[in-house]
Amino acid sequence: MSYKIKEIRSWSDEELRKKLEELRAEQLNQRMLKVLGGAIENPARIRNTRRAIARILTVLNERKRKESIEGEKKDKQEKA
């Protein structure tokens, strides 16, 4: 479950969004088990899931920021 940032960066945006959706669903299930008092197989999995979600969101935000910066540079060049 533990994804390395290098591995995550190699995925496409669509793959990232799909994996993010899967991880959020898994996180919801883990929380429900915990709240309902069910036996959790691996308690560390909750933390690993949360961290994987954070890594994916980080990569998506980096890409979004990079695109907006490149767009601003093009606008400035066109004005000049």
PDB file of N, CA and C in Angstrom:
ATOM      1  N   MET A   1       0.818  -1.193   0.000  1.00  0.00           N
ATOM      2  CA  MET A   1       0.000   0.000   0.000  1.00  0.00           C
ATOM      3  C   MET A   1       0.857   1.251   0.000  1.00  0.00           C
ATOM      4  N   SER A   2       2.004   1.169   0.573  1.00  0.00           N
ATOM      5  CA  SER A   2       2.859   2.340   0.681  1.00  0.00           C
ATOM      6  C   SER A   2       3.468   2.665  -0.680  1.00  0.00           C
ATOM      7  N   TYR A   3       3.018   3.775  -1.247  1.00  0.00           N
ATOM      8  CA  TYR A   3       3.516   4.195  -2.548  1.00  0.00           C
ATOM      9  C   TYR A   3       4.632   5.210  -2.360  1.00  0.00           C
ATOM     10  N   LYS A   4       5.665   5.052  -3.130  1.00  0.00           N
ATOM     11  CA  LYS A   4       6.761   6.009  -3.111  1.00  0.00           C
ATOM     12  C   LYS A   4       6.403   7.176  -4.018  1.00  0.00           C
ATOM     13  N   ILE A   5       6.888   8.354  -3.680  1.00  0.00           N
ATOM     14  CA  ILE A   5       6.557   9.555  -4.439  1.00  0.00           C
ATOM     15  C   ILE A   5       7.055   9.444  -5.878  1.00  0.00           C
ATOM     16  N   LYS A   6       8.171   8.788  -6.072  1.00  0.00           N
ATOM     17  CA  LYS A   6       8.710   8.610  -7.422  1.00  0.00           C
ATOM     18  C   LYS A   6       7.748   7.781  -8.277  1.00  0.00           C
ATOM     19  N   GLU A   7       7.183   6.762  -7.674  1.00  0.00           N
ATOM     20  CA  GLU A   7       6.214   5.909  -8.367  1.00  0.00           C
ATOM     21  C   GLU A   7       4.949   6.703  -8.698  1.00  0.00           C
ATOM     22  N   ILE A   8       4.487   7.491  -7.750  1.00  0.00           N
ATOM     23  CA  ILE A   8       3.264   8.270  -7.936  1.00  0.00           C
ATOM     24  C   ILE A   8       3.446   9.299  -9.049  1.00  0.00           C
ATOM     25  N   ARG A   9       4.609   9.924  -9.113  1.00  0.00           N
ATOM     26  CA  ARG A   9       4.858  10.933 -10.147  1.00  0.00           C
ATOM     27  C   ARG A   9       4.863  10.335 -11.547  1.00  0.00           C
ATOM     28  N   SER A  10       5.093   9.036 -11.659  1.00  0.00           N
ATOM     29  CA  SER A  10       5.118   8.400 -12.977  1.00  0.00           C
ATOM     30  C   SER A  10       3.705   8.111 -13.505  1.00  0.00           C
ATOM     31  N   TRP A  11       2.699   8.227 -12.650  1.00  0.00           N
ATOM     32  CA  TRP A  11       1.321   7.960 -13.055  1.00  0.00           C
ATOM     33  C   TRP A  11       0.728   9.162 -13.778  1.00  0.00           C
ATOM     34  N   SER A  12      -0.243   8.891 -14.653  1.00  0.00           N
ATOM     35  CA  SER A  12      -0.954   9.968 -15.344  1.00  0.00           C
ATOM     36  C   SER A  12      -1.964  10.598 -14.383  1.00  0.00           C
ATOM     37  N   ASP A  13      -2.483  11.756 -14.767  1.00  0.00           N
ATOM     38  CA  ASP A  13      -3.476  12.438 -13.927  1.00  0.00           C
ATOM     39  C   ASP A  13      -4.709  11.567 -13.719  1.00  0.00           C
ATOM     40  N   GLU A  14      -5.113  10.884 -14.769  1.00  0.00           N
ATOM     41  CA  GLU A  14      -6.301  10.027 -14.670  1.00  0.00           C
ATOM     42  C   GLU A  14      -6.056   8.876 -13.692  1.00  0.00           C
ATOM     43  N   GLU A  15      -4.880   8.279 -13.771  1.00  0.00           N
ATOM     44  CA  GLU A  15      -4.541   7.196 -12.843  1.00  0.00           C
ATOM     45  C   GLU A  15      -4.504   7.707 -11.404  1.00  0.00           C
ATOM     46  N   LEU A  16      -3.976   8.908 -11.228  1.00  0.00           N
ATOM     47  CA  LEU A  16      -3.904   9.495  -9.889  1.00  0.00           C
ATOM     48  C   LEU A  16      -5.301   9.711  -9.316  1.00  0.00           C
ATOM     49  N   ARG A  17      -6.189  10.252 -10.130  1.00  0.00           N
ATOM     50  CA  ARG A  17      -7.552  10.512  -9.653  1.00  0.00           C
ATOM     51  C   ARG A  17      -8.288   9.210  -9.332  1.00  0.00           C
ATOM     52  N   LYS A  18      -8.064   8.196 -10.156  1.00  0.00           N
ATOM     53  CA  LYS A  18      -8.705   6.906  -9.920  1.00  0.00           C
ATOM     54  C   LYS A  18      -8.192   6.287  -8.617  1.00  0.00           C
ATOM     55  N   LYS A  19      -6.888   6.321  -8.421  1.00  0.00           N
ATOM     56  CA  LYS A  19      -6.295   5.760  -7.212  1.00  0.00           C
ATOM     57  C   LYS A  19      -6.727   6.549  -5.979  1.00  0.00           C
ATOM     58  N   LEU A  20      -6.837   7.867  -6.126  1.00  0.00           N
ATOM     59  CA  LEU A  20      -7.288   8.715  -5.027  1.00  0.00           C
ATOM     60  C   LEU A  20      -8.700   8.328  -4.600  1.00  0.00           C
ATOM     61  N   GLU A  21      -9.553   8.096  -5.569  1.00  0.00           N
ATOM     62  CA  GLU A  21     -10.925   7.684  -5.278  1.00  0.00           C
ATOM     63  C   GLU A  21     -10.945   6.340  -4.544  1.00  0.00           C
ATOM     64  N   GLU A  22     -10.126   5.404  -5.006  1.00  0.00           N
ATOM     65  CA  GLU A  22     -10.055   4.086  -4.364  1.00  0.00           C
ATOM     66  C   GLU A  22      -9.553   4.203  -2.922  1.00  0.00           C
ATOM     67  N   LEU A  23      -8.522   5.015  -2.731  1.00  0.00           N
ATOM     68  CA  LEU A  23      -7.952   5.169  -1.395  1.00  0.00           C
ATOM     69  C   LEU A  23      -8.928   5.848  -0.439  1.00  0.00           C
ATOM     70  N   ARG A  24      -9.673   6.819  -0.939  1.00  0.00           N
ATOM     71  CA  ARG A  24     -10.651   7.494  -0.075  1.00  0.00           C
ATOM     72  C   ARG A  24     -11.768   6.536   0.331  1.00  0.00           C
ATOM     73  N   ALA A  25     -12.180   5.668  -0.595  1.00  0.00           N
ATOM     74  CA  ALA A  25     -13.197   4.668  -0.264  1.00  0.00           C
ATOM     75  C   ALA A  25     -12.651   3.693   0.780  1.00  0.00           C
ATOM     76  N   GLU A  26     -11.411   3.297   0.606  1.00  0.00           N
ATOM     77  CA  GLU A  26     -10.778   2.396   1.571  1.00  0.00           C
ATOM     78  C   GLU A  26     -10.657   3.067   2.938  1.00  0.00           C
ATOM     79  N   GLN A  27     -10.301   4.338   2.931  1.00  0.00           N
ATOM     80  CA  GLN A  27     -10.170   5.078   4.182  1.00  0.00           C
ATOM     81  C   GLN A  27     -11.519   5.151   4.906  1.00  0.00           C
ATOM     82  N   LEU A  28     -12.576   5.361   4.153  1.00  0.00           N
ATOM     83  CA  LEU A  28     -13.909   5.409   4.740  1.00  0.00           C
ATOM     84  C   LEU A  28     -14.256   4.068   5.390  1.00  0.00           C
ATOM     85  N   ASN A  29     -13.957   2.981   4.694  1.00  0.00           N
ATOM     86  CA  ASN A  29     -14.225   1.651   5.248  1.00  0.00           C
ATOM     87  C   ASN A  29     -13.417   1.408   6.520  1.00  0.00           C
ATOM     88  N   GLN A  30     -12.171   1.833   6.510  1.00  0.00           N
ATOM     89  CA  GLN A  30     -11.322   1.655   7.689  1.00  0.00           C
ATOM     90  C   GLN A  30     -11.866   2.445   8.875  1.00  0.00           C
ATOM     91  N   ARG A  31     -12.317   3.655   8.604  1.00  0.00           N
ATOM     92  CA  ARG A  31     -12.874   4.481   9.681  1.00  0.00           C
ATOM     93  C   ARG A  31     -14.142   3.854  10.247  1.00  0.00           C
ATOM     94  N   MET A  32     -14.974   3.326   9.360  1.00  0.00           N
ATOM     95  CA  MET A  32     -16.217   2.703   9.816  1.00  0.00           C
ATOM     96  C   MET A  32     -15.922   1.496  10.704  1.00  0.00           C
ATOM     97  N   LEU A  33     -14.960   0.683  10.296  1.00  0.00           N
ATOM     98  CA  LEU A  33     -14.589  -0.465  11.123  1.00  0.00           C
ATOM     99  C   LEU A  33     -14.113  -0.017  12.497  1.00  0.00           C
ATOM    100  N   LYS A  34     -13.324   1.033  12.508  1.00  0.00           N
ATOM    101  CA  LYS A  34     -12.779   1.536  13.769  1.00  0.00           C
ATOM    102  C   LYS A  34     -13.891   2.075  14.662  1.00  0.00           C
ATOM    103  N   VAL A  35     -14.796   2.852  14.082  1.00  0.00           N
ATOM    104  CA  VAL A  35     -15.879   3.461  14.854  1.00  0.00           C
ATOM    105  C   VAL A  35     -16.838   2.402  15.391  1.00  0.00           C
ATOM    106  N   LEU A  36     -17.126   1.413  14.565  1.00  0.00           N
ATOM    107  CA  LEU A  36     -18.068   0.378  14.975  1.00  0.00           C
ATOM    108  C   LEU A  36     -17.443  -0.660  15.896  1.00  0.00           C
ATOM    109  N   GLY A  37     -16.169  -0.518  16.155  1.00  0.00           N
ATOM    110  CA  GLY A  37     -15.509  -1.418  17.087  1.00  0.00           C
ATOM    111  C   GLY A  37     -15.097  -2.739  16.471  1.00  0.00           C
ATOM    112  N   GLY A  38     -15.069  -2.785  15.159  1.00  0.00           N
ATOM    113  CA  GLY A  38     -14.649  -4.008  14.486  1.00  0.00           C
ATOM    114  C   GLY A  38     -13.151  -4.219  14.613  1.00  0.00           C
ATOM    115  N   ALA A  39     -12.747  -5.424  14.355  1.00  0.00           N
ATOM    116  CA  ALA A  39     -11.324  -5.744  14.436  1.00  0.00           C
ATOM    117  C   ALA A  39     -10.619  -5.258  13.174  1.00  0.00           C
ATOM    118  N   ILE A  40      -9.620  -4.445  13.369  1.00  0.00           N
ATOM    119  CA  ILE A  40      -8.840  -3.942  12.247  1.00  0.00           C
ATOM    120  C   ILE A  40      -7.628  -4.851  12.098  1.00  0.00           C
ATOM    121  N   GLU A  41      -7.449  -5.380  10.888  1.00  0.00           N
ATOM    122  CA  GLU A  41      -6.337  -6.298  10.650  1.00  0.00           C
ATOM    123  C   GLU A  41      -4.996  -5.637  10.937  1.00  0.00           C
ATOM    124  N   ASN A  42      -4.824  -4.454  10.371  1.00  0.00           N
ATOM    125  CA  ASN A  42      -3.546  -3.771  10.495  1.00  0.00           C
ATOM    126  C   ASN A  42      -3.808  -2.291  10.784  1.00  0.00           C
ATOM    127  N   PRO A  43      -3.709  -1.878  12.024  1.00  0.00           N
ATOM    128  CA  PRO A  43      -3.993  -0.485  12.376  1.00  0.00           C
ATOM    129  C   PRO A  43      -3.093   0.524  11.652  1.00  0.00           C
ATOM    130  N   ALA A  44      -1.893   0.124  11.305  1.00  0.00           N
ATOM    131  CA  ALA A  44      -0.978   1.034  10.606  1.00  0.00           C
ATOM    132  C   ALA A  44      -1.469   1.329   9.190  1.00  0.00           C
ATOM    133  N   ARG A  45      -2.352   0.499   8.692  1.00  0.00           N
ATOM    134  CA  ARG A  45      -2.870   0.698   7.339  1.00  0.00           C
ATOM    135  C   ARG A  45      -3.666   2.003   7.234  1.00  0.00           C
ATOM    136  N   ILE A  46      -4.302   2.408   8.320  1.00  0.00           N
ATOM    137  CA  ILE A  46      -5.042   3.673   8.334  1.00  0.00           C
ATOM    138  C   ILE A  46      -4.077   4.826   8.062  1.00  0.00           C
ATOM    139  N   ARG A  47      -2.952   4.817   8.754  1.00  0.00           N
ATOM    140  CA  ARG A  47      -1.946   5.868   8.569  1.00  0.00           C
ATOM    141  C   ARG A  47      -1.358   5.814   7.161  1.00  0.00           C
ATOM    142  N   ASN A  48      -1.063   4.615   6.677  1.00  0.00           N
ATOM    143  CA  ASN A  48      -0.486   4.475   5.342  1.00  0.00           C
ATOM    144  C   ASN A  48      -1.448   4.962   4.262  1.00  0.00           C
ATOM    145  N   THR A  49      -2.723   4.690   4.445  1.00  0.00           N
ATOM    146  CA  THR A  49      -3.729   5.151   3.487  1.00  0.00           C
ATOM    147  C   THR A  49      -3.791   6.672   3.481  1.00  0.00           C
ATOM    148  N   ARG A  50      -3.800   7.255   4.666  1.00  0.00           N
ATOM    149  CA  ARG A  50      -3.849   8.717   4.779  1.00  0.00           C
ATOM    150  C   ARG A  50      -2.631   9.352   4.113  1.00  0.00           C
ATOM    151  N   ARG A  51      -1.482   8.770   4.314  1.00  0.00           N
ATOM    152  CA  ARG A  51      -0.258   9.314   3.723  1.00  0.00           C
ATOM    153  C   ARG A  51      -0.233   9.146   2.206  1.00  0.00           C
ATOM    154  N   ALA A  52      -0.748   8.029   1.720  1.00  0.00           N
ATOM    155  CA  ALA A  52      -0.808   7.815   0.271  1.00  0.00           C
ATOM    156  C   ALA A  52      -1.724   8.852  -0.374  1.00  0.00           C
ATOM    157  N   ILE A  53      -2.842   9.144   0.278  1.00  0.00           N
ATOM    158  CA  ILE A  53      -3.760  10.168  -0.220  1.00  0.00           C
ATOM    159  C   ILE A  53      -3.049  11.520  -0.263  1.00  0.00           C
ATOM    160  N   ALA A  54      -2.321  11.841   0.777  1.00  0.00           N
ATOM    161  CA  ALA A  54      -1.600  13.118   0.832  1.00  0.00           C
ATOM    162  C   ALA A  54      -0.551  13.206  -0.272  1.00  0.00           C
ATOM    163  N   ARG A  55       0.140  12.127  -0.529  1.00  0.00           N
ATOM    164  CA  ARG A  55       1.157  12.131  -1.588  1.00  0.00           C
ATOM    165  C   ARG A  55       0.524  12.361  -2.957  1.00  0.00           C
ATOM    166  N   ILE A  56      -0.590  11.692  -3.205  1.00  0.00           N
ATOM    167  CA  ILE A  56      -1.266  11.850  -4.496  1.00  0.00           C
ATOM    168  C   ILE A  56      -1.766  13.282  -4.658  1.00  0.00           C
ATOM    169  N   LEU A  57      -2.360  13.832  -3.610  1.00  0.00           N
ATOM    170  CA  LEU A  57      -2.837  15.214  -3.680  1.00  0.00           C
ATOM    171  C   LEU A  57      -1.682  16.186  -3.899  1.00  0.00           C
ATOM    172  N   THR A  58      -0.544  15.906  -3.298  1.00  0.00           N
ATOM    173  CA  THR A  58       0.633  16.750  -3.478  1.00  0.00           C
ATOM    174  C   THR A  58       1.068  16.767  -4.936  1.00  0.00           C
ATOM    175  N   VAL A  59       1.133  15.603  -5.551  1.00  0.00           N
ATOM    176  CA  VAL A  59       1.556  15.518  -6.954  1.00  0.00           C
ATOM    177  C   VAL A  59       0.544  16.221  -7.857  1.00  0.00           C
ATOM    178  N   LEU A  60      -0.742  16.021  -7.609  1.00  0.00           N
ATOM    179  CA  LEU A  60      -1.766  16.689  -8.419  1.00  0.00           C
ATOM    180  C   LEU A  60      -1.659  18.210  -8.291  1.00  0.00           C
ATOM    181  N   ASN A  61      -1.435  18.697  -7.075  1.00  0.00           N
ATOM    182  CA  ASN A  61      -1.311  20.140  -6.867  1.00  0.00           C
ATOM    183  C   ASN A  61      -0.033  20.696  -7.485  1.00  0.00           C
ATOM    184  N   GLU A  62       1.042  19.931  -7.448  1.00  0.00           N
ATOM    185  CA  GLU A  62       2.286  20.365  -8.091  1.00  0.00           C
ATOM    186  C   GLU A  62       2.071  20.539  -9.590  1.00  0.00           C
ATOM    187  N   ARG A  63       1.394  19.576 -10.187  1.00  0.00           N
ATOM    188  CA  ARG A  63       1.142  19.641 -11.631  1.00  0.00           C
ATOM    189  C   ARG A  63       0.233  20.813 -11.974  1.00  0.00           C
ATOM    190  N   LYS A  64      -0.779  21.026 -11.164  1.00  0.00           N
ATOM    191  CA  LYS A  64      -1.708  22.130 -11.398  1.00  0.00           C
ATOM    192  C   LYS A  64      -0.977  23.468 -11.292  1.00  0.00           C
ATOM    193  N   ARG A  65      -0.147  23.603 -10.274  1.00  0.00           N
ATOM    194  CA  ARG A  65       0.610  24.836 -10.069  1.00  0.00           C
ATOM    195  C   ARG A  65       1.573  25.074 -11.228  1.00  0.00           C
ATOM    196  N   LYS A  66       2.219  24.007 -11.689  1.00  0.00           N
ATOM    197  CA  LYS A  66       3.167  24.118 -12.792  1.00  0.00           C
ATOM    198  C   LYS A  66       2.462  24.596 -14.062  1.00  0.00           C
ATOM    199  N   GLU A  67       1.270  24.057 -14.321  1.00  0.00           N
ATOM    200  CA  GLU A  67       0.506  24.469 -15.500  1.00  0.00           C
ATOM    201  C   GLU A  67       0.106  25.936 -15.419  1.00  0.00           C
ATOM    202  N   SER A  68      -0.306  26.387 -14.245  1.00  0.00           N
ATOM    203  CA  SER A  68      -0.735  27.778 -14.117  1.00  0.00           C
ATOM    204  C   SER A  68       0.447  28.733 -14.264  1.00  0.00           C
ATOM    205  N   ILE A  69       1.606  28.341 -13.766  1.00  0.00           N
ATOM    206  CA  ILE A  69       2.802  29.180 -13.904  1.00  0.00           C
ATOM    207  C   ILE A  69       3.210  29.271 -15.371  1.00  0.00           C
ATOM    208  N   GLU A  70       3.166  28.149 -16.068  1.00  0.00           N
ATOM    209  CA  GLU A  70       3.520  28.153 -17.488  1.00  0.00           C
ATOM    210  C   GLU A  70       2.529  28.990 -18.291  1.00  0.00           C
ATOM    211  N   GLY A  71       1.257  28.942 -17.920  1.00  0.00           N
ATOM    212  CA  GLY A  71       0.241  29.745 -18.595  1.00  0.00           C
ATOM    213  C   GLY A  71       0.471  31.231 -18.385  1.00  0.00           C
ATOM    214  N   GLU A  72       0.869  31.612 -17.186  1.00  0.00           N
ATOM    215  CA  GLU A  72       1.156  33.017 -16.890  1.00  0.00           C
ATOM    216  C   GLU A  72       2.366  33.501 -17.680  1.00  0.00           C
ATOM    217  N   LYS A  73       3.366  32.653 -17.832  1.00  0.00           N
ATOM    218  CA  LYS A  73       4.559  33.029 -18.593  1.00  0.00           C
ATOM    219  C   LYS A  73       4.203  33.280 -20.052  1.00  0.00           C
ATOM    220  N   LYS A  74       3.329  32.436 -20.604  1.00  0.00           N
ATOM    221  CA  LYS A  74       2.910  32.608 -21.999  1.00  0.00           C
ATOM    222  C   LYS A  74       2.146  33.913 -22.171  1.00  0.00           C
ATOM    223  N   ASP A  75       1.282  34.236 -21.200  1.00  0.00           N
ATOM    224  CA  ASP A  75       0.515  35.476 -21.269  1.00  0.00           C
ATOM    225  C   ASP A  75       1.434  36.691 -21.249  1.00  0.00           C
ATOM    226  N   LYS A  76       2.457  36.656 -20.404  1.00  0.00           N
ATOM    227  CA  LYS A  76       3.398  37.772 -20.313  1.00  0.00           C
ATOM    228  C   LYS A  76       4.197  37.920 -21.606  1.00  0.00           C
ATOM    229  N   GLN A  77       4.557  36.803 -22.218  1.00  0.00           N
ATOM    230  CA  GLN A  77       5.319  36.849 -23.462  1.00  0.00           C
ATOM    231  C   GLN A  77       4.469  37.406 -24.599  1.00  0.00           C
ATOM    232  N   GLU A  78       3.186  37.078 -24.608  1.00  0.00           N
ATOM    233  CA  GLU A  78       2.295  37.576 -25.653  1.00  0.00           C
ATOM    234  C   GLU A  78       2.080  39.078 -25.527  1.00  0.00           C
ATOM    235  N   LYS A  79       2.053  39.593 -24.307  1.00  0.00           N
ATOM    236  CA  LYS A  79       1.853  41.023 -24.084  1.00  0.00           C
ATOM    237  C   LYS A  79       3.080  41.829 -24.495  1.00  0.00           C
ATOM    238  N   ALA A  80       4.241  41.229 -24.375  1.00  0.00           N
ATOM    239  CA  ALA A  80       5.486  41.952 -24.663  1.00  0.00           C
ATOM    240  C   ALA A  80       5.746  42.111 -26.129  1.00  0.00           C
TER     241      ALA A  80
END
